[in-house]
Protein backbone atom coordinates (compact mmCIF):
# COMPACT_ATOMS: atom_id res chain seq x y z
CA MET A 1 -104.23 43.40 88.93
CA SER A 2 -102.05 40.80 87.26
CA THR A 3 -100.65 41.13 83.77
CA THR A 4 -99.70 38.01 81.92
CA ARG A 5 -97.04 38.00 79.26
CA PRO A 6 -97.58 36.19 76.00
CA LYS A 7 -95.79 32.88 75.82
CA ARG A 8 -92.53 32.95 73.96
CA GLU A 9 -92.10 30.54 71.18
CA HIS A 10 -89.07 28.31 71.44
CA LEU A 11 -87.84 27.17 68.05
CA SER A 12 -85.03 24.84 67.16
CA ALA A 13 -82.10 26.09 65.10
CA GLN A 14 -83.56 24.21 62.11
CA ASP A 15 -86.94 25.91 62.57
CA LEU A 16 -85.25 29.31 62.71
CA ARG A 17 -83.28 28.61 59.51
CA GLU A 18 -86.49 27.51 57.80
CA ARG A 19 -88.36 30.63 58.95
CA GLU A 20 -85.49 32.85 57.81
CA ALA A 21 -85.44 31.18 54.38
CA ALA A 22 -89.23 31.61 54.07
CA ASN A 23 -89.01 35.29 55.02
CA LEU A 24 -86.12 35.98 52.65
CA ALA A 25 -87.97 34.30 49.77
CA LYS A 26 -90.70 36.97 50.05
CA LEU A 27 -88.28 39.91 49.92
CA PRO A 28 -86.57 41.76 47.06
CA GLU A 29 -82.80 41.79 46.64
CA LEU A 30 -82.58 45.34 48.03
CA CYS A 31 -84.65 48.30 49.11
CA HIS A 32 -84.24 51.94 50.10
CA VAL A 33 -85.01 53.22 53.59
CA ALA A 34 -84.73 56.53 55.40
CA VAL A 35 -82.91 56.36 58.71
CA GLN A 36 -84.41 58.94 61.03
CA THR A 37 -81.61 59.08 63.58
CA GLU A 38 -79.09 60.00 60.90
CA LYS A 39 -81.38 61.73 58.37
CA VAL A 40 -79.87 59.74 55.52
CA LEU A 41 -81.06 57.52 52.71
CA CYS A 42 -79.78 53.96 52.97
CA LEU A 43 -79.87 50.65 51.12
CA ILE A 44 -80.70 47.36 52.72
CA LYS A 45 -79.59 44.11 51.12
CA ARG A 46 -81.73 41.03 51.65
CA GLY A 47 -80.30 38.76 54.33
CA GLU A 48 -77.56 41.13 55.46
CA LYS A 49 -77.29 42.83 58.85
CA GLY A 50 -77.39 46.61 58.97
CA TYR A 51 -77.65 49.03 56.09
CA TYR A 52 -75.50 50.87 53.60
CA ARG A 53 -75.44 54.65 53.67
CA THR A 54 -75.78 56.35 50.29
CA ASP A 55 -74.12 59.51 49.03
CA TRP A 56 -77.46 60.97 47.91
CA PRO A 57 -77.97 64.30 49.61
CA VAL A 58 -81.25 64.69 51.50
CA SER A 59 -82.45 67.87 53.13
CA SER A 60 -84.66 66.24 55.75
CA TYR A 61 -85.91 62.90 57.06
CA GLU A 62 -89.29 63.54 55.41
CA PHE A 63 -87.61 64.06 52.05
CA ALA A 64 -85.56 60.87 52.53
CA GLN A 65 -88.77 58.93 53.33
CA LYS A 66 -90.51 60.23 50.22
CA TRP A 67 -87.49 59.50 48.05
CA ALA A 68 -87.16 55.97 49.49
CA ARG A 69 -90.87 55.25 48.85
CA GLU A 70 -90.58 56.49 45.29
CA ARG A 71 -87.40 54.48 44.57
CA ASN A 72 -88.92 51.37 46.09
CA ALA A 73 -92.14 51.77 44.07
CA THR A 74 -90.06 52.10 40.89
CA MET A 75 -88.31 48.83 41.77
CA GLY A 76 -91.60 47.06 42.70
CA VAL A 77 -90.83 46.95 46.41
CA THR A 78 -93.97 47.22 48.58
CA PRO A 79 -94.06 49.25 51.81
CA ALA A 80 -94.53 45.96 53.72
CA GLN A 81 -91.41 44.49 52.10
CA ALA A 82 -89.35 47.63 52.90
CA SER A 83 -90.56 47.59 56.50
CA ALA A 84 -89.84 43.88 56.86
CA MET A 85 -86.36 44.37 55.41
CA GLN A 86 -85.60 47.26 57.76
CA ASN A 87 -86.70 45.16 60.73
CA GLY A 88 -84.89 42.05 59.52
CA SER A 89 -81.63 43.90 58.94
CA LEU A 90 -81.70 45.28 62.47
CA LEU A 91 -83.41 42.55 64.53
CA GLY A 92 -82.92 39.31 62.63
CA TRP A 93 -84.27 37.72 59.46
CA SER A 94 -85.93 34.76 61.23
CA LEU A 95 -88.29 36.92 63.29
CA PRO A 96 -91.97 37.31 62.31
CA ILE A 97 -91.35 41.08 61.98
CA ALA A 98 -89.09 40.28 59.00
CA ASP A 99 -92.02 38.66 57.18
CA PRO A 100 -93.82 41.15 54.87
CA ASP A 101 -97.06 39.17 55.34
CA HIS A 102 -97.15 40.33 58.96
CA HIS A 103 -97.15 44.02 58.10
CA PHE A 104 -100.08 46.29 57.48
CA ASN A 105 -100.43 49.24 55.16
CA ARG A 106 -99.81 52.30 57.34
CA SER A 107 -101.00 54.65 54.63
CA ALA A 108 -104.49 53.11 54.98
CA ARG A 109 -104.84 54.53 58.51
């Protein structure tokens, strides 16, 4: 049995810059996320690598998730935008995973 891999897309540097700009245009200036490995609440700034830890005390990862969702909702940040920002800050802003239009609503499952 043979498994074929999907073809990788090869983009020029200009194409990557354009995709990054298009992705960033769909995202808010910042969002809140819960980081499971550290059980902390963090901020992500649009276009920047990594995240900023906050001083807000959280008792558990689940509490941090709930708090991040509530803060984001108050700021008008959708779950798709927060997910895209978390992925973009860790993996790169030009990737399709940093585009909120490529995310689905997990709460609908």
